[in-house]
PDB file of N, CA and C in Angstrom:
ATOM      1  N   UNK A   1      18.021  11.873   7.199  1.00  0.00           N
ATOM      2  CA  UNK A   1      17.664  10.804   8.190  1.00  0.00           C
ATOM      3  C   UNK A   1      19.162  10.022   8.480  1.00  0.00           C
ATOM      4  N   UNK A   2      19.811   9.755   7.304  1.00  0.00           N
ATOM      5  CA  UNK A   2      20.923   8.964   7.422  1.00  0.00           C
ATOM      6  C   UNK A   2      22.301   9.395   7.692  1.00  0.00           C
ATOM      7  N   UNK A   3      23.238   8.875   8.430  1.00  0.00           N
ATOM      8  CA  UNK A   3      24.537   9.585   8.955  1.00  0.00           C
ATOM      9  C   UNK A   3      24.889  10.002   7.735  1.00  0.00           C
ATOM     10  N   UNK A   4      26.114  11.001   7.699  1.00  0.00           N
ATOM     11  CA  UNK A   4      26.837  11.500   6.043  1.00  0.00           C
ATOM     12  C   UNK A   4      27.443  10.642   5.447  1.00  0.00           C
ATOM     13  N   UNK A   5      28.230   9.489   6.175  1.00  0.00           N
ATOM     14  CA  UNK A   5      28.920   8.366   5.684  1.00  0.00           C
ATOM     15  C   UNK A   5      28.152   7.566   5.666  1.00  0.00           C
ATOM     16  N   UNK A   6      26.865   7.218   5.641  1.00  0.00           N
ATOM     17  CA  UNK A   6      25.907   6.141   5.749  1.00  0.00           C
ATOM     18  C   UNK A   6      25.870   5.590   3.986  1.00  0.00           C
ATOM     19  N   UNK A   7      26.087   4.401   3.370  1.00  0.00           N
ATOM     20  CA  UNK A   7      26.055   4.347   1.970  1.00  0.00           C
ATOM     21  C   UNK A   7      24.639   4.346   1.551  1.00  0.00           C
ATOM     22  N   UNK A   8      23.671   4.557   2.205  1.00  0.00           N
ATOM     23  CA  UNK A   8      21.994   4.532   1.836  1.00  0.00           C
ATOM     24  C   UNK A   8      22.351   6.098   1.171  1.00  0.00           C
ATOM     25  N   UNK A   9      22.927   6.724   1.573  1.00  0.00           N
ATOM     26  CA  UNK A   9      22.417   8.101   1.327  1.00  0.00           C
ATOM     27  C   UNK A   9      22.643   8.121  -0.251  1.00  0.00           C
ATOM     28  N   UNK A  10      22.960   7.478  -0.701  1.00  0.00           N
ATOM     29  CA  UNK A  10      23.354   7.643  -2.546  1.00  0.00           C
ATOM     30  C   UNK A  10      22.214   7.714  -3.150  1.00  0.00           C
ATOM     31  N   UNK A  11      21.227   7.169  -2.646  1.00  0.00           N
ATOM     32  CA  UNK A  11      20.011   6.910  -3.332  1.00  0.00           C
ATOM     33  C   UNK A  11      19.242   8.591  -3.156  1.00  0.00           C
ATOM     34  N   UNK A  12      19.409   9.667  -2.651  1.00  0.00           N
ATOM     35  CA  UNK A  12      19.005  11.057  -2.508  1.00  0.00           C
ATOM     36  C   UNK A  12      20.011  11.990  -2.828  1.00  0.00           C
ATOM     37  N   UNK A  13      21.197  11.352  -3.493  1.00  0.00           N
ATOM     38  CA  UNK A  13      21.973  12.603  -4.078  1.00  0.00           C
ATOM     39  C   UNK A  13      21.595  13.549  -5.116  1.00  0.00           C
ATOM     40  N   UNK A  14      21.706  14.771  -4.677  1.00  0.00           N
ATOM     41  CA  UNK A  14      20.940  15.647  -6.007  1.00  0.00           C
ATOM     42  C   UNK A  14      19.620  16.155  -5.647  1.00  0.00           C
ATOM     43  N   UNK A  15      18.876  15.345  -4.811  1.00  0.00           N
ATOM     44  CA  UNK A  15      17.488  15.219  -4.569  1.00  0.00           C
ATOM     45  C   UNK A  15      17.121  15.181  -2.994  1.00  0.00           C
ATOM     46  N   UNK A  16      15.567  15.673  -2.844  1.00  0.00           N
ATOM     47  CA  UNK A  16      15.029  15.505  -1.447  1.00  0.00           C
ATOM     48  C   UNK A  16      14.471  13.780  -1.536  1.00  0.00           C
ATOM     49  N   UNK A  17      14.568  13.300  -0.238  1.00  0.00           N
ATOM     50  CA  UNK A  17      13.595  12.126  -0.174  1.00  0.00           C
ATOM     51  C   UNK A  17      12.435  12.122  -0.095  1.00  0.00           C
ATOM     52  N   UNK A  18      11.815  11.613  -0.591  1.00  0.00           N
ATOM     53  CA  UNK A  18      10.112  11.717  -0.779  1.00  0.00           C
ATOM     54  C   UNK A  18       9.510  10.682   0.070  1.00  0.00           C
ATOM     55  N   UNK A  19       8.437  11.307   1.162  1.00  0.00           N
ATOM     56  CA  UNK A  19       7.817  10.673   1.725  1.00  0.00           C
ATOM     57  C   UNK A  19       6.334  10.333   1.312  1.00  0.00           C
ATOM     58  N   UNK A  20       5.695   9.284   1.026  1.00  0.00           N
ATOM     59  CA  UNK A  20       4.212   9.090   0.697  1.00  0.00           C
ATOM     60  C   UNK A  20       3.591   9.110   2.139  1.00  0.00           C
ATOM     61  N   UNK A  21       2.594  10.404   2.039  1.00  0.00           N
ATOM     62  CA  UNK A  21       2.006  10.580   3.334  1.00  0.00           C
ATOM     63  C   UNK A  21       0.644   9.639   3.361  1.00  0.00           C
ATOM     64  N   UNK A  22       0.490   9.191   2.334  1.00  0.00           N
ATOM     65  CA  UNK A  22      -0.702   7.902   2.643  1.00  0.00           C
ATOM     66  C   UNK A  22      -0.328   6.515   3.074  1.00  0.00           C
ATOM     67  N   UNK A  23      -0.241   6.560   4.404  1.00  0.00           N
ATOM     68  CA  UNK A  23      -0.131   5.564   5.284  1.00  0.00           C
ATOM     69  C   UNK A  23      -0.916   4.359   5.201  1.00  0.00           C
ATOM     70  N   UNK A  24      -0.604   3.100   5.062  1.00  0.00           N
ATOM     71  CA  UNK A  24      -2.009   1.893   4.438  1.00  0.00           C
ATOM     72  C   UNK A  24      -3.104   1.753   5.553  1.00  0.00           C
ATOM     73  N   UNK A  25      -2.463   2.004   6.818  1.00  0.00           N
ATOM     74  CA  UNK A  25      -3.422   1.528   7.979  1.00  0.00           C
ATOM     75  C   UNK A  25      -4.149   3.095   8.238  1.00  0.00           C
ATOM     76  N   UNK A  26      -4.281   3.888   7.672  1.00  0.00           N
ATOM     77  CA  UNK A  26      -5.259   5.226   7.570  1.00  0.00           C
ATOM     78  C   UNK A  26      -6.059   4.848   6.504  1.00  0.00           C
ATOM     79  N   UNK A  27      -5.260   4.360   5.157  1.00  0.00           N
ATOM     80  CA  UNK A  27      -6.390   3.742   4.294  1.00  0.00           C
ATOM     81  C   UNK A  27      -7.435   3.014   4.335  1.00  0.00           C
ATOM     82  N   UNK A  28      -7.021   2.084   5.275  1.00  0.00           N
ATOM     83  CA  UNK A  28      -7.721   0.774   5.282  1.00  0.00           C
ATOM     84  C   UNK A  28      -8.609   1.161   6.521  1.00  0.00           C
ATOM     85  N   UNK A  29      -8.357   1.935   7.664  1.00  0.00           N
ATOM     86  CA  UNK A  29      -9.419   2.529   8.516  1.00  0.00           C
ATOM     87  C   UNK A  29     -10.745   3.338   7.794  1.00  0.00           C
ATOM     88  N   UNK A  30     -10.368   3.765   6.129  1.00  0.00           N
ATOM     89  CA  UNK A  30     -11.338   4.888   5.564  1.00  0.00           C
ATOM     90  C   UNK A  30     -12.301   3.711   5.248  1.00  0.00           C
ATOM     91  N   UNK A  31     -12.012   2.696   4.820  1.00  0.00           N
ATOM     92  CA  UNK A  31     -12.912   1.590   3.883  1.00  0.00           C
ATOM     93  C   UNK A  31     -14.109   1.289   5.073  1.00  0.00           C
ATOM     94  N   UNK A  32     -15.275   0.925   4.596  1.00  0.00           N
ATOM     95  CA  UNK A  32     -16.253   0.444   5.497  1.00  0.00           C
ATOM     96  C   UNK A  32     -15.982  -1.098   5.649  1.00  0.00           C
ATOM     97  N   UNK A  33     -16.713  -1.668   6.456  1.00  0.00           N
ATOM     98  CA  UNK A  33     -16.419  -2.928   6.649  1.00  0.00           C
ATOM     99  C   UNK A  33     -17.590  -3.790   6.105  1.00  0.00           C
ATOM    100  N   UNK A  34     -17.449  -4.806   5.350  1.00  0.00           N
ATOM    101  CA  UNK A  34     -18.188  -5.866   4.360  1.00  0.00           C
ATOM    102  C   UNK A  34     -18.403  -6.692   5.195  1.00  0.00           C
ATOM    103  N   UNK A  35     -19.738  -7.137   5.661  1.00  0.00           N
ATOM    104  CA  UNK A  35     -20.117  -8.503   6.283  1.00  0.00           C
ATOM    105  C   UNK A  35     -20.369  -9.628   5.078  1.00  0.00           C
ATOM    106  N   UNK A  36     -20.214 -10.625   5.169  1.00  0.00           N
ATOM    107  CA  UNK A  36     -20.188 -11.439   4.028  1.00  0.00           C
ATOM    108  C   UNK A  36     -20.688 -13.292   4.888  1.00  0.00           C
ATOM    109  N   UNK A  37     -21.299 -13.866   3.988  1.00  0.00           N
ATOM    110  CA  UNK A  37     -21.892 -15.057   4.568  1.00  0.00           C
ATOM    111  C   UNK A  37     -20.696 -16.194   3.931  1.00  0.00           C
ATOM    112  N   UNK A  38     -20.199 -15.987   3.005  1.00  0.00           N
ATOM    113  CA  UNK A  38     -18.870 -17.182   2.690  1.00  0.00           C
ATOM    114  C   UNK A  38     -18.045 -16.987   3.315  1.00  0.00           C
ATOM    115  N   UNK A  39     -17.151 -18.352   3.306  1.00  0.00           N
ATOM    116  CA  UNK A  39     -15.920 -18.377   3.898  1.00  0.00           C
ATOM    117  C   UNK A  39     -14.611 -17.652   2.733  1.00  0.00           C
ATOM    118  N   UNK A  40     -15.013 -17.694   1.312  1.00  0.00           N
ATOM    119  CA  UNK A  40     -13.841 -17.142   0.453  1.00  0.00           C
ATOM    120  C   UNK A  40     -14.444 -15.409  -0.102  1.00  0.00           C
ATOM    121  N   UNK A  41     -13.739 -14.614  -0.020  1.00  0.00           N
ATOM    122  CA  UNK A  41     -13.786 -13.453  -0.633  1.00  0.00           C
ATOM    123  C   UNK A  41     -12.638 -13.098  -1.434  1.00  0.00           C
ATOM    124  N   UNK A  42     -13.069 -12.125  -2.478  1.00  0.00           N
ATOM    125  CA  UNK A  42     -12.256 -11.822  -3.616  1.00  0.00           C
ATOM    126  C   UNK A  42     -11.944 -10.302  -3.867  1.00  0.00           C
ATOM    127  N   UNK A  43     -10.872  -9.837  -4.244  1.00  0.00           N
ATOM    128  CA  UNK A  43     -11.136  -8.357  -4.460  1.00  0.00           C
ATOM    129  C   UNK A  43     -10.228  -8.358  -5.733  1.00  0.00           C
ATOM    130  N   UNK A  44     -10.513  -7.539  -6.601  1.00  0.00           N
ATOM    131  CA  UNK A  44      -9.712  -7.070  -8.138  1.00  0.00           C
ATOM    132  C   UNK A  44      -9.299  -5.875  -7.890  1.00  0.00           C
ATOM    133  N   UNK A  45      -8.962  -4.939  -7.187  1.00  0.00           N
ATOM    134  CA  UNK A  45      -8.791  -3.737  -7.043  1.00  0.00           C
ATOM    135  C   UNK A  45      -9.629  -2.933  -7.462  1.00  0.00           C
ATOM    136  N   UNK A  46     -10.756  -3.016  -7.791  1.00  0.00           N
ATOM    137  CA  UNK A  46     -11.626  -1.741  -8.418  1.00  0.00           C
ATOM    138  C   UNK A  46     -11.791  -1.980  -9.843  1.00  0.00           C
ATOM    139  N   UNK A  47     -10.816  -3.165 -10.454  1.00  0.00           N
ATOM    140  CA  UNK A  47     -10.791  -2.956 -11.944  1.00  0.00           C
ATOM    141  C   UNK A  47     -10.124  -1.842 -12.627  1.00  0.00           C
ATOM    142  N   UNK A  48     -10.154  -2.084 -13.798  1.00  0.00           N
ATOM    143  CA  UNK A  48      -9.752  -0.840 -14.739  1.00  0.00           C
ATOM    144  C   UNK A  48      -7.799  -0.988 -14.775  1.00  0.00           C
ATOM    145  N   UNK A  49      -7.323  -0.031 -15.259  1.00  0.00           N
ATOM    146  CA  UNK A  49      -5.964   0.042 -15.410  1.00  0.00           C
ATOM    147  C   UNK A  49      -5.711   0.328 -13.639  1.00  0.00           C
ATOM    148  N   UNK A  50      -6.317   1.027 -12.761  1.00  0.00           N
ATOM    149  CA  UNK A  50      -5.612   1.071 -11.458  1.00  0.00           C
ATOM    150  C   UNK A  50      -5.868   0.019 -10.284  1.00  0.00           C
ATOM    151  N   UNK A  51      -6.515  -1.126 -10.926  1.00  0.00           N
ATOM    152  CA  UNK A  51      -6.447  -2.102 -10.167  1.00  0.00           C
ATOM    153  C   UNK A  51      -5.612  -3.131 -10.033  1.00  0.00           C
ATOM    154  N   UNK A  52      -5.576  -4.221  -9.481  1.00  0.00           N
ATOM    155  CA  UNK A  52      -4.758  -5.277  -9.636  1.00  0.00           C
ATOM    156  C   UNK A  52      -5.340  -6.561  -9.864  1.00  0.00           C
ATOM    157  N   UNK A  53      -4.374  -7.706  -9.953  1.00  0.00           N
ATOM    158  CA  UNK A  53      -5.200  -9.196 -10.050  1.00  0.00           C
ATOM    159  C   UNK A  53      -5.950  -9.086  -9.057  1.00  0.00           C
ATOM    160  N   UNK A  54      -6.927 -10.050  -9.564  1.00  0.00           N
ATOM    161  CA  UNK A  54      -7.795 -10.478  -8.293  1.00  0.00           C
ATOM    162  C   UNK A  54      -7.142 -11.689  -7.384  1.00  0.00           C
ATOM    163  N   UNK A  55      -7.449 -11.337  -6.218  1.00  0.00           N
ATOM    164  CA  UNK A  55      -6.599 -12.128  -4.481  1.00  0.00           C
ATOM    165  C   UNK A  55      -7.985 -12.817  -4.136  1.00  0.00           C
ATOM    166  N   UNK A  56      -7.930 -13.731  -3.471  1.00  0.00           N
ATOM    167  CA  UNK A  56      -8.859 -14.442  -2.607  1.00  0.00           C
ATOM    168  C   UNK A  56      -8.229 -14.755  -1.188  1.00  0.00           C
ATOM    169  N   UNK A  57      -9.507 -14.440  -0.321  1.00  0.00           N
ATOM    170  CA  UNK A  57      -8.806 -14.249   0.929  1.00  0.00           C
ATOM    171  C   UNK A  57      -9.960 -15.133   1.691  1.00  0.00           C
ATOM    172  N   UNK A  58      -9.280 -16.503   2.270  1.00  0.00           N
ATOM    173  CA  UNK A  58      -9.982 -17.484   2.984  1.00  0.00           C
ATOM    174  C   UNK A  58     -10.065 -16.956   4.768  1.00  0.00           C
ATOM    175  N   UNK A  59     -11.427 -16.937   4.556  1.00  0.00           N
ATOM    176  CA  UNK A  59     -11.934 -16.478   5.808  1.00  0.00           C
ATOM    177  C   UNK A  59     -12.003 -17.537   7.047  1.00  0.00           C
TER     178      UNK A  59
END
């Protein structure tokens, strides 16, 4: 990906570059649309150890 003398290649010395094939735009497209009546919604990432802190979205 980088030129032979590019300093960014140091990250990949002795190993291959790994690329995540799950692009966010495709993951978002898989989620169904949720219609709401309120102006504020929240998401906690599904809860549990794999979730994220609750975030609020002002619509």
